C-alpha atoms as a PDB file:
ATOM      1  CA  MET A   1       0.000   0.000   0.000  1.00  0.00           C
ATOM      2  CA  PRO A   2       1.325   3.480  -0.781  1.00  0.00           C
ATOM      3  CA  LYS A   3       2.541   5.581   2.075  1.00  0.00           C
ATOM      4  CA  HIS A   4      -0.194   7.307   4.069  1.00  0.00           C
ATOM      5  CA  ALA A   5       1.214  10.739   3.170  1.00  0.00           C
ATOM      6  CA  ALA A   6       0.920   9.915  -0.536  1.00  0.00           C
ATOM      7  CA  TRP A   7      -2.782   9.180  -0.097  1.00  0.00           C
ATOM      8  CA  GLN A   8      -3.291  12.369   1.867  1.00  0.00           C
ATOM      9  CA  ASP A   9      -1.500  14.345  -0.839  1.00  0.00           C
ATOM     10  CA  SER A  10      -3.624  12.752  -3.573  1.00  0.00           C
ATOM     11  CA  ALA A  11      -7.010  13.197  -1.867  1.00  0.00           C
ATOM     12  CA  PRO A  12      -7.507  16.855  -2.956  1.00  0.00           C
ATOM     13  CA  VAL A  13      -6.604  15.877  -6.519  1.00  0.00           C
ATOM     14  CA  PHE A  14      -9.191  13.108  -6.627  1.00  0.00           C
ATOM     15  CA  ALA A  15     -11.789  15.380  -5.010  1.00  0.00           C
ATOM     16  CA  ALA A  16     -11.126  18.089  -7.613  1.00  0.00           C
ATOM     17  CA  LEU A  17     -11.384  15.548 -10.434  1.00  0.00           C
ATOM     18  CA  GLY A  18     -14.773  14.386  -9.170  1.00  0.00           C
ATOM     19  CA  ASP A  19     -16.678  17.014 -11.162  1.00  0.00           C
ATOM     20  CA  ALA A  20     -17.554  16.837 -14.867  1.00  0.00           C
ATOM     21  CA  THR A  21     -17.009  20.565 -15.427  1.00  0.00           C
ATOM     22  CA  ARG A  22     -13.544  20.453 -13.901  1.00  0.00           C
ATOM     23  CA  LEU A  23     -12.666  17.391 -15.983  1.00  0.00           C
ATOM     24  CA  ARG A  24     -13.783  19.257 -19.107  1.00  0.00           C
ATOM     25  CA  LEU A  25     -11.639  22.241 -18.133  1.00  0.00           C
ATOM     26  CA  LEU A  26      -8.608  19.998 -17.623  1.00  0.00           C
ATOM     27  CA  ALA A  27      -9.203  18.353 -20.993  1.00  0.00           C
ATOM     28  CA  ALA A  28      -9.363  21.772 -22.642  1.00  0.00           C
ATOM     29  CA  LEU A  29      -6.118  22.822 -20.975  1.00  0.00           C
ATOM     30  CA  CYS A  30      -4.442  19.571 -22.038  1.00  0.00           C
ATOM     31  CA  ALA A  31      -5.476  20.152 -25.640  1.00  0.00           C
ATOM     32  CA  GLY A  32      -5.051  23.894 -25.862  1.00  0.00           C
ATOM     33  CA  GLY A  33      -2.178  24.917 -23.622  1.00  0.00           C
ATOM     34  CA  ALA A  34      -2.569  28.101 -21.564  1.00  0.00           C
ATOM     35  CA  LEU A  35      -6.070  29.498 -22.003  1.00  0.00           C
ATOM     36  CA  SER A  36      -7.988  32.503 -20.712  1.00  0.00           C
ATOM     37  CA  ILE A  37     -11.346  32.336 -18.957  1.00  0.00           C
ATOM     38  CA  ALA A  38     -12.951  33.706 -22.139  1.00  0.00           C
ATOM     39  CA  GLN A  39     -11.416  30.897 -24.176  1.00  0.00           C
ATOM     40  CA  LEU A  40     -12.500  28.289 -21.623  1.00  0.00           C
ATOM     41  CA  THR A  41     -16.110  29.518 -21.605  1.00  0.00           C
ATOM     42  CA  ALA A  42     -16.441  30.016 -25.374  1.00  0.00           C
ATOM     43  CA  GLY A  43     -19.196  27.837 -26.807  1.00  0.00           C
ATOM     44  CA  THR A  44     -20.460  26.709 -23.390  1.00  0.00           C
ATOM     45  CA  ALA A  45     -23.354  27.675 -21.172  1.00  0.00           C
ATOM     46  CA  ILE A  46     -21.038  27.971 -18.171  1.00  0.00           C
ATOM     47  CA  THR A  47     -20.560  31.476 -16.799  1.00  0.00           C
ATOM     48  CA  ARG A  48     -17.155  33.056 -16.383  1.00  0.00           C
ATOM     49  CA  GLN A  49     -17.756  33.169 -12.620  1.00  0.00           C
ATOM     50  CA  ALA A  50     -18.502  29.433 -12.500  1.00  0.00           C
ATOM     51  CA  VAL A  51     -15.397  28.601 -14.538  1.00  0.00           C
ATOM     52  CA  THR A  52     -13.313  30.836 -12.286  1.00  0.00           C
ATOM     53  CA  LYS A  53     -14.582  28.966  -9.210  1.00  0.00           C
ATOM     54  CA  HIS A  54     -13.877  25.580 -10.805  1.00  0.00           C
ATOM     55  CA  LEU A  55     -10.392  26.697 -11.831  1.00  0.00           C
ATOM     56  CA  GLN A  56      -9.733  27.835  -8.260  1.00  0.00           C
ATOM     57  CA  VAL A  57     -10.652  24.352  -6.980  1.00  0.00           C
ATOM     58  CA  LEU A  58      -8.267  22.849  -9.532  1.00  0.00           C
ATOM     59  CA  ALA A  59      -5.566  25.347  -8.538  1.00  0.00           C
ATOM     60  CA  ASP A  60      -6.045  24.598  -4.835  1.00  0.00           C
ATOM     61  CA  ALA A  61      -5.496  20.920  -5.658  1.00  0.00           C
ATOM     62  CA  GLY A  62      -2.332  21.843  -7.576  1.00  0.00           C
ATOM     63  CA  LEU A  63      -3.696  20.715 -10.948  1.00  0.00           C
ATOM     64  CA  VAL A  64      -3.582  24.078 -12.728  1.00  0.00           C
ATOM     65  CA  ARG A  65      -1.813  27.404 -12.325  1.00  0.00           C
ATOM     66  CA  ASP A  66      -2.466  30.834 -13.681  1.00  0.00           C
ATOM     67  CA  ASN A  67      -0.179  33.420 -15.172  1.00  0.00           C
ATOM     68  CA  ARG A  68      -1.059  37.068 -15.603  1.00  0.00           C
ATOM     69  CA  LEU A  69      -0.650  38.607 -19.025  1.00  0.00           C
ATOM     70  CA  GLY A  70      -1.595  42.232 -18.524  1.00  0.00           C
ATOM     71  CA  ARG A  71      -5.163  42.236 -17.242  1.00  0.00           C
ATOM     72  CA  GLU A  72      -5.778  38.694 -18.442  1.00  0.00           C
ATOM     73  CA  ARG A  73      -5.101  35.501 -16.551  1.00  0.00           C
ATOM     74  CA  ARG A  74      -4.112  32.453 -18.554  1.00  0.00           C
ATOM     75  CA  TRP A  75      -4.577  29.039 -17.005  1.00  0.00           C
ATOM     76  CA  GLU A  76      -2.415  26.020 -17.704  1.00  0.00           C
ATOM     77  CA  LEU A  77      -2.105  22.437 -16.594  1.00  0.00           C
ATOM     78  CA  GLU A  78       0.280  21.471 -13.770  1.00  0.00           C
ATOM     79  CA  PRO A  79       1.176  17.917 -14.837  1.00  0.00           C
ATOM     80  CA  SER A  80       3.196  16.916 -11.769  1.00  0.00           C
ATOM     81  CA  ARG A  81       0.076  16.598  -9.600  1.00  0.00           C
ATOM     82  CA  ILE A  82      -1.629  14.444 -12.218  1.00  0.00           C
ATOM     83  CA  ASP A  83       1.462  12.246 -12.334  1.00  0.00           C
ATOM     84  CA  ALA A  84       1.315  11.833  -8.541  1.00  0.00           C
ATOM     85  CA  ALA A  85      -2.366  10.842  -8.739  1.00  0.00           C
ATOM     86  CA  ARG A  86      -1.547   8.370 -11.505  1.00  0.00           C
ATOM     87  CA  GLU A  87       1.130   6.824  -9.292  1.00  0.00           C
ATOM     88  CA  ALA A  88      -1.431   6.400  -6.498  1.00  0.00           C
ATOM     89  CA  LEU A  89      -3.820   4.689  -8.930  1.00  0.00           C
ATOM     90  CA  ASP A  90      -0.991   2.474 -10.212  1.00  0.00           C
ATOM     91  CA  ALA A  91      -0.298   1.398  -6.623  1.00  0.00           C
ATOM     92  CA  ILE A  92      -3.972   0.524  -6.146  1.00  0.00           C
ATOM     93  CA  ALA A  93      -3.942  -1.456  -9.395  1.00  0.00           C
ATOM     94  CA  ALA A  94      -0.843  -3.374  -8.281  1.00  0.00           C
ATOM     95  CA  GLN A  95      -2.506  -4.240  -4.971  1.00  0.00           C
ATOM     96  CA  TRP A  96      -5.600  -5.401  -6.808  1.00  0.00           C
ATOM     97  CA  ASP A  97      -3.510  -7.587  -9.134  1.00  0.00           C
ATOM     98  CA  GLN A  98      -1.743  -9.135  -6.124  1.00  0.00           C
ATOM     99  CA  ALA A  99      -5.067  -9.840  -4.390  1.00  0.00           C
ATOM    100  CA  LEU A 100      -6.455 -11.492  -7.521  1.00  0.00           C
ATOM    101  CA  ALA A 101      -3.305 -13.604  -7.892  1.00  0.00           C
ATOM    102  CA  ARG A 102      -3.628 -14.779  -4.268  1.00  0.00           C
ATOM    103  CA  LEU A 103      -7.280 -15.635  -4.804  1.00  0.00           C
ATOM    104  CA  LYS A 104      -6.460 -17.526  -8.000  1.00  0.00           C
ATOM    105  CA  ARG A 105      -3.785 -19.567  -6.196  1.00  0.00           C
ATOM    106  CA  ARG A 106      -6.255 -20.476  -3.431  1.00  0.00           C
ATOM    107  CA  VAL A 107      -8.984 -21.490  -5.856  1.00  0.00           C
ATOM    108  CA  GLU A 108      -6.621 -23.602  -7.953  1.00  0.00           C
ATOM    109  CA  HIS A 109      -5.298 -25.551  -4.955  1.00  0.00           C
END
């Protein structure tokens, strides 16, 4: 099992990813690089205020960061936190594989 601290560190990431709007925003940032709020809301029914709040949740979890360009803020992905979450999921998958292998050995004997 991963270290307890690793799970604690990953919990805000998983909580932030538990919303369809935030997942859509992350997908847009993955595909489009650094984007403004206007670019992230274009073609959607989501208000700028709602997107700003969702981006703040993602930022608090360390998944995105913003950079000021004059009066405009551009948001971009912070991949290191996603990598850490992926490592936590990989550890869970490895544990699951080990549990299934143990069960298989017991059933076969």
